[in-house]
Amino acid sequence: MAATRPARLKACYGMHVSGADFWPRPEAVEDLVAGLAAGESFTMFGLRRIGKSSVMAEVRARLAASGAVVVHVDAQNFRGLAALFGAILRGLPDKTLRDRVREKLADGVMLAEKLRKKIGDLLQDGRDDLREEDEADLLAYWTVIAPAVGERLAESSVPFILCIDELPMLFQKMLKQKDGAETANRLLAGLREWRGYPRVAMFLTGSVGMRGLVKAHGLDGTLLNDLTEVSLRPLPRPEAEAMVRALVAGSDGALAWDDALHAQVLDRLVEFHPSLIQFAFRRLLSARARDSAAIDRVFRDIIRPGVEQNFFAQFTDRLAEYGAAKGAADRDRTLLNRLDRALAIVAGSDAPIPFETFQTAFTEAGEPATEIEDIIAILREDGFLAWDSDSRTLALADRMVRAWWRSRPRG
């Protein structure tokens, strides 16, 4: 299905969208749909409000329309395995598939009877559910439950796609509990086993990356090495301009800008992520900014402070989470300071810097070369850095990251 730009676009911000309200992202959506349908699994991590949930919603809709079995769960409010597994079972849309899973767990594996009954009732008619009180039993039997469920999912005649939004947030909560790393590794192993079946694929997203959690808590990173990493890039300027024009057309005459005003808006935007364009346009629309002076005033008084609060603050908060990283030997050698030092090296150049230049600067600052691979991987996954494998260069991920970096208080 070829992506078509809508001539009119509804102004909406703060929610995920799909269908007619979704601005086409063919560079991400097309590959994800084709790859997931073929059994490949993906991650898409990065900061909030760059469009991950909308891309996931569009991908889910496209896959479901093609006949795939698609299960979606939002894990950001889950506390453990019971909540996640229960949501996955409840999300199975096909009664035949639910019955096959129920029959396998009823007769094919050794389970505590109470747990077997709860899972069976959940799958049969939803009259029971898995709760925190079931966490210990579920963990104890997870090594037999996970492969049994995986076998049944793989028996589907069509692709089975599991989409988990904000999975790393669940791991953050797990890792604060007793034996959290062991629990997290068990869950990762079960999900990895499911992905080993030819027709089972996963799409995992989150505003927190997994590599930082692996590094800080000693998780088994090999359980993630089958996943293909996807990054959402900002729109090229011509695409951003087309989106702004569609938003103006969709305002039903509330705004009518000439070419110069369109260019002015684009020049003032800190970056061309669709959600950031929507954020700015909603405020311009509310203010009925119809001339150059009004546009400048709204950007200065409303949009720029809003960007700092809603977008820039995420970068600062995300880095701060590493300040108490497990195993930090002293203040100058914490994971936070290594990440900050790496960012400073890359941000010190307006152009991409060769890897060898980065390596030299990092080690001359007293950091071990053995940390470089992990540091770069964390900063890439969390949306701070971009790596060009052809030129072997590093750069800040986009103009918004650079604007945030320049706005940071120094002292």
Protein backbone atom coordinates (compact mmCIF):
# COMPACT_ATOMS: atom_id res chain seq x y z
CA MET A 1 0.00 0.00 0.00
CA ALA A 2 1.70 3.19 -1.15
CA ALA A 3 1.77 6.11 1.27
CA THR A 4 -0.24 9.11 0.09
CA ARG A 5 0.09 12.56 1.59
CA PRO A 6 -3.26 13.87 2.81
CA ALA A 7 -4.24 17.24 1.35
CA ARG A 8 -5.90 18.12 4.66
CA LEU A 9 -4.72 17.10 8.11
CA LYS A 10 -6.45 17.49 11.45
CA ALA A 11 -4.52 19.36 14.13
CA CYS A 12 -4.02 16.96 17.04
CA TYR A 13 -1.32 16.60 19.65
CA GLY A 14 -0.83 14.41 22.70
CA MET A 15 -2.33 11.18 21.34
CA HIS A 16 -1.27 8.51 18.90
CA VAL A 17 -2.96 8.58 15.52
CA SER A 18 -3.35 6.30 12.52
CA GLY A 19 -5.25 6.20 9.25
CA ALA A 20 -6.36 9.59 7.90
CA ASP A 21 -4.84 11.45 10.87
CA PHE A 22 -1.39 9.89 10.41
CA TRP A 23 1.20 11.77 8.38
CA PRO A 24 2.90 9.14 6.18
CA ARG A 25 6.27 7.82 7.38
CA PRO A 26 7.00 5.34 4.57
CA GLU A 27 10.71 5.12 5.42
CA ALA A 28 9.72 3.47 8.71
CA VAL A 29 6.26 1.98 8.21
CA GLU A 30 6.84 0.13 4.94
CA ASP A 31 9.93 -1.72 6.20
CA LEU A 32 8.31 -2.52 9.54
CA VAL A 33 5.16 -3.95 7.98
CA ALA A 34 7.09 -6.07 5.49
CA GLY A 35 9.67 -7.21 8.03
CA LEU A 36 7.20 -8.13 10.77
CA ALA A 37 5.02 -10.04 8.31
CA ALA A 38 8.13 -12.01 7.30
CA GLY A 39 9.03 -12.87 10.90
CA GLU A 40 11.64 -10.20 11.65
CA SER A 41 11.45 -8.42 15.01
CA PHE A 42 12.21 -4.76 15.72
CA THR A 43 12.82 -2.23 18.46
CA MET A 44 12.08 1.48 18.26
CA PHE A 45 13.35 3.34 21.30
CA GLY A 46 13.86 7.04 21.86
CA LEU A 47 12.40 9.96 23.71
CA ARG A 48 8.69 10.63 24.00
CA ARG A 49 6.73 12.72 21.52
CA ILE A 50 8.65 11.84 18.38
CA GLY A 51 5.88 9.66 16.92
CA LYS A 52 6.73 6.10 18.01
CA SER A 53 3.22 5.24 19.23
CA SER A 54 1.63 6.61 16.06
CA VAL A 55 4.01 4.59 13.89
CA MET A 56 3.18 1.50 15.94
CA ALA A 57 -0.56 2.17 15.60
CA GLU A 58 -0.24 2.56 11.82
CA VAL A 59 1.88 -0.60 11.54
CA ARG A 60 -0.63 -2.56 13.63
CA ALA A 61 -3.53 -1.38 11.48
CA ARG A 62 -1.72 -2.28 8.26
CA LEU A 63 -0.75 -5.74 9.53
CA ALA A 64 -4.24 -6.50 10.83
CA ALA A 65 -5.70 -5.44 7.47
CA SER A 66 -3.35 -7.92 5.77
CA GLY A 67 -4.74 -10.78 7.88
CA ALA A 68 -2.00 -11.11 10.50
CA VAL A 69 -2.87 -11.82 14.14
CA VAL A 70 -1.80 -8.66 15.98
CA VAL A 71 -1.71 -8.31 19.76
CA HIS A 72 -0.91 -4.94 21.32
CA VAL A 73 -0.17 -4.24 24.97
CA ASP A 74 0.95 -1.03 26.67
CA ALA A 75 3.34 -2.02 29.46
CA GLN A 76 4.07 1.37 31.00
CA ASN A 77 1.80 0.79 34.02
CA PHE A 78 2.68 -2.88 34.53
CA ARG A 79 4.67 -3.95 37.57
CA GLY A 80 5.63 -7.50 36.68
CA LEU A 81 5.34 -10.58 34.51
CA ALA A 82 1.78 -11.38 35.64
CA ALA A 83 0.44 -8.08 34.29
CA LEU A 84 2.26 -8.44 30.96
CA PHE A 85 1.41 -12.10 30.38
CA GLY A 86 -2.21 -11.55 31.38
CA ALA A 87 -2.52 -8.65 28.94
CA ILE A 88 -1.03 -10.75 26.13
CA LEU A 89 -3.47 -13.59 26.77
CA ARG A 90 -6.43 -11.19 26.97
CA GLY A 91 -5.32 -9.62 23.72
CA LEU A 92 -5.43 -12.84 21.70
CA PRO A 93 -8.18 -11.94 19.21
CA ASP A 94 -8.95 -15.40 17.88
CA LYS A 95 -10.95 -17.91 19.97
CA THR A 96 -9.37 -20.85 18.19
CA LEU A 97 -5.91 -19.60 19.14
CA ARG A 98 -6.98 -18.97 22.74
CA ASP A 99 -8.40 -22.49 22.93
CA ARG A 100 -5.18 -24.01 21.57
CA VAL A 101 -3.10 -22.17 24.17
CA ARG A 102 -5.53 -23.14 26.94
CA GLU A 103 -5.52 -26.82 25.94
CA LYS A 104 -1.72 -26.90 25.82
CA LEU A 105 -1.40 -25.40 29.30
CA ALA A 106 -4.17 -27.65 30.62
CA ASP A 107 -2.67 -30.94 29.49
CA GLY A 108 0.81 -30.43 28.12
CA VAL A 109 2.80 -28.87 30.97
CA MET A 110 3.23 -29.29 34.72
CA LEU A 111 1.68 -26.30 36.50
CA ALA A 112 0.40 -25.42 39.94
CA GLU A 113 -3.33 -26.16 39.77
CA LYS A 114 -4.37 -22.69 40.95
CA LEU A 115 -2.28 -21.04 38.25
CA ARG A 116 -3.51 -23.47 35.58
CA LYS A 117 -7.13 -22.69 36.46
CA LYS A 118 -6.58 -18.92 36.45
CA ILE A 119 -4.93 -18.99 33.03
CA GLY A 120 -7.59 -21.35 31.69
CA ASP A 121 -10.47 -19.17 32.91
CA LEU A 122 -8.81 -16.05 31.52
CA LEU A 123 -8.44 -17.65 28.09
CA GLN A 124 -11.88 -19.24 28.06
CA ASP A 125 -14.11 -16.34 28.99
CA GLY A 126 -12.03 -13.68 30.76
CA ARG A 127 -13.70 -14.31 34.11
CA ASP A 128 -10.35 -14.41 35.91
CA ASP A 129 -7.06 -12.57 35.55
CA LEU A 130 -3.43 -12.78 36.59
CA ARG A 131 -2.52 -10.47 39.46
CA GLU A 132 0.52 -9.56 41.54
CA GLU A 133 -0.29 -12.41 43.92
CA ASP A 134 0.36 -14.82 41.01
CA GLU A 135 3.80 -13.39 40.22
CA ALA A 136 5.81 -15.94 42.23
CA ASP A 137 3.99 -18.97 40.75
CA LEU A 138 4.20 -17.56 37.24
CA LEU A 139 7.94 -16.95 37.57
CA ALA A 140 8.47 -20.43 39.01
CA TYR A 141 6.78 -22.06 36.01
CA TRP A 142 7.74 -19.53 33.33
CA THR A 143 10.40 -21.80 31.82
CA VAL A 144 7.68 -24.32 30.92
CA ILE A 145 4.86 -21.84 30.23
CA ALA A 146 6.81 -19.70 27.76
CA PRO A 147 7.78 -22.48 25.31
CA ALA A 148 4.31 -24.05 25.51
CA VAL A 149 2.64 -20.76 24.58
CA GLY A 150 5.25 -20.08 21.91
CA GLU A 151 4.51 -23.42 20.24
CA ARG A 152 0.82 -22.60 19.99
CA LEU A 153 1.43 -19.07 18.70
CA ALA A 154 3.69 -20.47 16.00
CA GLU A 155 1.01 -22.91 14.82
CA SER A 156 -1.06 -20.05 13.43
CA SER A 157 -1.40 -20.17 9.64
CA VAL A 158 -0.82 -16.40 9.48
CA PRO A 159 1.90 -14.23 11.05
CA PHE A 160 1.55 -13.59 14.79
CA ILE A 161 2.78 -10.11 15.72
CA LEU A 162 3.19 -9.01 19.34
CA CYS A 163 3.52 -5.24 19.78
CA ILE A 164 4.61 -4.10 23.24
CA ASP A 165 4.69 -0.37 23.92
CA GLU A 166 6.93 0.94 26.75
CA LEU A 167 8.39 -2.48 27.58
CA PRO A 168 11.52 -0.92 29.17
CA MET A 169 9.31 0.83 31.75
CA LEU A 170 8.17 -2.58 32.95
CA PHE A 171 11.80 -3.66 33.28
CA GLN A 172 12.61 -0.51 35.25
CA LYS A 173 9.96 -1.49 37.80
CA MET A 174 11.09 -5.13 37.85
CA LEU A 175 14.69 -4.13 38.49
CA LYS A 176 13.72 -2.23 41.64
CA GLN A 177 12.32 -5.41 43.19
CA LYS A 178 14.08 -8.27 44.92
CA ASP A 179 15.90 -10.51 42.42
CA GLY A 180 14.84 -8.04 39.74
CA ALA A 181 17.67 -8.81 37.32
CA GLU A 182 16.94 -12.55 37.48
CA THR A 183 13.24 -11.92 36.86
CA ALA A 184 14.00 -9.59 33.95
CA ASN A 185 16.32 -12.14 32.36
CA ARG A 186 13.66 -14.84 32.64
CA LEU A 187 11.14 -12.64 30.85
CA LEU A 188 13.67 -11.69 28.17
CA ALA A 189 14.49 -15.37 27.63
CA GLY A 190 10.82 -16.27 27.21
CA LEU A 191 10.21 -13.50 24.70
CA ARG A 192 13.38 -14.48 22.85
CA GLU A 193 12.14 -18.07 22.63
CA TRP A 194 8.86 -16.92 21.08
CA ARG A 195 10.74 -14.91 18.47
CA GLY A 196 12.62 -18.04 17.49
CA TYR A 197 9.53 -19.41 15.75
CA PRO A 198 9.26 -18.55 12.03
CA ARG A 199 5.84 -16.86 12.07
CA VAL A 200 6.20 -15.08 15.43
CA ALA A 201 7.56 -11.52 15.43
CA MET A 202 7.67 -8.62 17.88
CA PHE A 203 7.71 -4.85 17.69
CA LEU A 204 8.98 -3.33 20.95
CA THR A 205 8.95 0.40 21.61
CA GLY A 206 9.76 2.63 24.53
CA SER A 207 10.82 6.08 25.65
CA VAL A 208 13.63 4.36 27.57
CA GLY A 209 16.16 2.18 25.78
CA MET A 210 17.09 -1.33 26.87
CA ARG A 211 20.86 -1.05 26.43
CA GLY A 212 21.21 1.33 29.36
CA LEU A 213 19.29 -1.08 31.59
CA VAL A 214 21.43 -3.98 30.39
CA LYS A 215 24.59 -2.00 31.18
CA ALA A 216 23.47 -0.67 34.55
CA HIS A 217 21.96 -3.89 35.90
CA GLY A 218 23.98 -6.64 34.28
CA LEU A 219 21.14 -8.10 32.20
CA ASP A 220 21.84 -10.66 29.48
CA GLY A 221 22.13 -8.51 26.37
CA THR A 222 22.40 -11.56 24.10
CA LEU A 223 18.66 -12.08 24.62
CA LEU A 224 18.10 -8.90 22.58
CA ASN A 225 20.61 -9.41 19.78
CA ASP A 226 18.05 -10.79 17.32
CA LEU A 227 16.12 -7.50 17.28
CA THR A 228 16.61 -4.96 14.49
CA GLU A 229 16.89 -1.40 15.75
CA VAL A 230 14.79 1.24 13.97
CA SER A 231 15.13 4.98 14.55
CA LEU A 232 12.57 7.63 13.70
CA ARG A 233 14.21 10.49 11.88
CA PRO A 234 12.71 13.97 11.50
CA LEU A 235 10.91 14.72 8.26
CA PRO A 236 12.93 16.31 5.44
CA ARG A 237 12.03 19.98 5.04
CA PRO A 238 9.88 19.43 1.90
CA GLU A 239 7.84 16.82 3.80
CA ALA A 240 7.54 19.12 6.80
CA GLU A 241 6.34 21.92 4.53
CA ALA A 242 3.74 19.63 2.96
CA MET A 243 2.53 18.66 6.43
CA VAL A 244 2.21 22.29 7.54
CA ARG A 245 0.27 23.12 4.37
CA ALA A 246 -2.06 20.18 5.01
CA LEU A 247 -2.63 21.41 8.58
CA VAL A 248 -3.44 24.90 7.30
CA ALA A 249 -5.85 23.41 4.77
CA GLY A 250 -7.44 21.38 7.56
CA SER A 251 -8.00 24.49 9.69
CA ASP A 252 -11.08 25.34 7.59
CA GLY A 253 -9.98 28.90 6.92
CA ALA A 254 -8.92 29.74 10.48
CA LEU A 255 -5.41 30.27 9.10
CA ALA A 256 -4.44 31.24 5.55
CA TRP A 257 -0.70 31.65 5.11
CA ASP A 258 1.22 32.67 2.02
CA ASP A 259 4.54 31.05 1.07
CA ALA A 260 6.53 33.49 3.19
CA LEU A 261 4.56 32.66 6.34
CA HIS A 262 4.90 28.93 5.71
CA ALA A 263 8.67 29.41 5.39
CA GLN A 264 8.73 31.51 8.57
CA VAL A 265 7.03 28.75 10.57
CA LEU A 266 9.44 26.12 9.22
CA ASP A 267 12.42 28.34 10.01
CA ARG A 268 11.26 28.74 13.62
CA LEU A 269 10.70 25.02 14.28
CA VAL A 270 13.53 23.48 16.25
CA GLU A 271 13.09 20.20 14.33
CA PHE A 272 10.68 18.52 11.92
CA HIS A 273 9.25 15.64 13.94
CA PRO A 274 5.51 15.40 13.11
CA SER A 275 4.53 15.65 16.78
CA LEU A 276 6.62 18.81 17.20
CA ILE A 277 4.99 20.29 14.09
CA GLN A 278 1.58 19.43 15.54
CA PHE A 279 2.56 20.92 18.91
CA ALA A 280 3.55 24.22 17.31
CA PHE A 281 0.65 24.36 14.88
CA ARG A 282 -1.97 23.81 17.60
CA ARG A 283 -0.65 26.85 19.43
CA LEU A 284 -0.48 28.97 16.29
CA LEU A 285 -4.04 27.92 15.48
CA SER A 286 -5.32 28.70 18.98
CA ALA A 287 -3.72 32.16 18.78
CA ARG A 288 -5.07 32.72 15.24
CA ALA A 289 -1.56 33.75 14.19
CA ARG A 290 -2.24 35.13 10.72
CA ASP A 291 0.76 37.42 10.17
CA SER A 292 4.52 37.43 10.68
CA ALA A 293 4.49 39.41 13.93
CA ALA A 294 1.87 37.12 15.48
CA ILE A 295 3.80 34.00 14.45
CA ASP A 296 7.00 35.34 16.00
CA ARG A 297 5.17 36.28 19.19
CA VAL A 298 3.59 32.82 19.59
CA PHE A 299 6.92 31.10 18.99
CA ARG A 300 8.68 33.36 21.50
CA ASP A 301 6.07 33.40 24.26
CA ILE A 302 4.35 30.02 23.95
CA ILE A 303 6.00 27.51 21.64
CA ARG A 304 9.64 27.86 22.72
CA PRO A 305 8.85 27.62 26.48
CA GLY A 306 6.55 24.69 25.70
CA VAL A 307 9.27 22.92 23.74
CA GLU A 308 11.68 23.36 26.63
CA GLN A 309 9.15 21.92 29.08
CA ASN A 310 7.69 19.13 26.95
CA PHE A 311 10.67 18.11 24.80
CA PHE A 312 14.00 19.39 26.15
CA ALA A 313 13.27 18.33 29.74
CA GLN A 314 13.11 14.71 28.60
CA PHE A 315 16.76 14.72 27.58
CA THR A 316 17.84 16.08 30.96
CA ASP A 317 15.61 13.66 32.87
CA ARG A 318 16.74 10.70 30.80
CA LEU A 319 20.40 11.36 31.50
CA ALA A 320 19.70 11.95 35.19
CA GLU A 321 18.27 8.44 35.50
CA TYR A 322 21.77 7.08 34.98
CA GLY A 323 23.16 9.09 37.90
CA ALA A 324 22.55 6.26 40.36
CA ALA A 325 23.74 3.53 38.01
CA LYS A 326 24.71 0.30 39.69
CA GLY A 327 28.44 -0.17 40.15
CA ALA A 328 29.57 3.46 39.87
CA ALA A 329 32.98 3.63 41.54
CA ASP A 330 33.03 7.37 42.18
CA ARG A 331 31.41 10.56 40.94
CA ASP A 332 33.77 11.01 38.01
CA ARG A 333 33.26 7.45 36.80
CA THR A 334 29.51 7.03 36.96
CA LEU A 335 27.64 5.99 33.86
CA LEU A 336 25.98 9.41 33.89
CA ASN A 337 29.30 11.24 33.67
CA ARG A 338 30.59 8.99 30.93
CA LEU A 339 27.45 9.59 28.89
CA ASP A 340 27.68 13.33 29.52
CA ARG A 341 31.34 13.38 28.53
CA ALA A 342 30.62 11.49 25.32
CA LEU A 343 27.85 13.94 24.42
CA ALA A 344 30.15 16.90 25.07
CA ILE A 345 32.74 15.47 22.68
CA VAL A 346 30.22 15.01 19.86
CA ALA A 347 28.41 18.30 20.53
CA GLY A 348 31.71 20.16 20.36
CA SER A 349 31.66 19.86 16.59
CA ASP A 350 28.99 21.18 14.24
CA ALA A 351 29.93 18.43 11.78
CA PRO A 352 29.93 14.66 12.32
CA ILE A 353 33.17 13.52 13.94
CA PRO A 354 35.17 10.43 12.92
CA PHE A 355 35.05 7.55 15.36
CA GLU A 356 38.81 7.68 15.82
CA THR A 357 38.58 11.34 16.87
CA PHE A 358 35.89 10.47 19.40
CA GLN A 359 37.89 7.52 20.70
CA THR A 360 40.97 9.66 21.23
CA ALA A 361 39.06 12.42 23.03
CA PHE A 362 37.19 9.93 25.22
CA THR A 363 40.28 8.06 26.36
CA GLU A 364 42.32 11.26 26.82
CA ALA A 365 39.59 12.38 29.23
CA GLY A 366 40.52 9.38 31.37
CA GLU A 367 37.79 6.99 30.26
CA PRO A 368 38.55 3.36 29.34
CA ALA A 369 38.32 2.43 25.67
CA THR A 370 36.42 -0.71 26.69
CA GLU A 371 33.41 1.47 27.61
CA ILE A 372 33.08 3.16 24.21
CA GLU A 373 30.91 0.58 22.47
CA ASP A 374 28.36 0.50 25.30
CA ILE A 375 28.30 4.28 25.72
CA ILE A 376 27.65 4.88 22.02
CA ALA A 377 25.00 2.14 21.91
CA ILE A 378 23.12 3.64 24.88
CA LEU A 379 23.20 7.17 23.47
CA ARG A 380 22.07 5.98 20.05
CA GLU A 381 19.19 3.94 21.41
CA ASP A 382 18.03 6.73 23.72
CA GLY A 383 17.90 9.22 20.85
CA PHE A 384 20.95 11.37 21.63
CA LEU A 385 23.43 10.27 18.95
CA ALA A 386 23.39 9.10 15.34
CA TRP A 387 26.00 6.73 13.90
CA ASP A 388 26.84 6.57 10.20
CA SER A 389 28.36 3.16 9.54
CA ASP A 390 29.50 4.09 6.02
CA SER A 391 31.59 7.09 7.08
CA ARG A 392 32.16 5.78 10.64
CA THR A 393 31.14 9.11 12.13
CA LEU A 394 29.12 10.23 15.14
CA ALA A 395 26.79 13.22 15.36
CA LEU A 396 24.02 14.49 17.59
CA ALA A 397 20.81 12.74 16.54
CA ASP A 398 19.06 15.86 15.23
CA ARG A 399 18.71 19.63 15.61
CA MET A 400 16.48 19.27 18.66
CA VAL A 401 19.23 17.47 20.57
CA ARG A 402 21.68 20.23 19.68
CA ALA A 403 19.21 22.93 20.73
CA TRP A 404 18.68 21.14 24.05
CA TRP A 405 22.43 20.79 24.59
CA ARG A 406 23.01 24.49 23.96
CA SER A 407 20.17 25.40 26.33
CA ARG A 408 21.65 23.48 29.27
CA PRO A 409 22.90 25.59 32.18
CA ARG A 410 26.66 25.39 32.53
CA GLY A 411 28.59 25.71 35.69
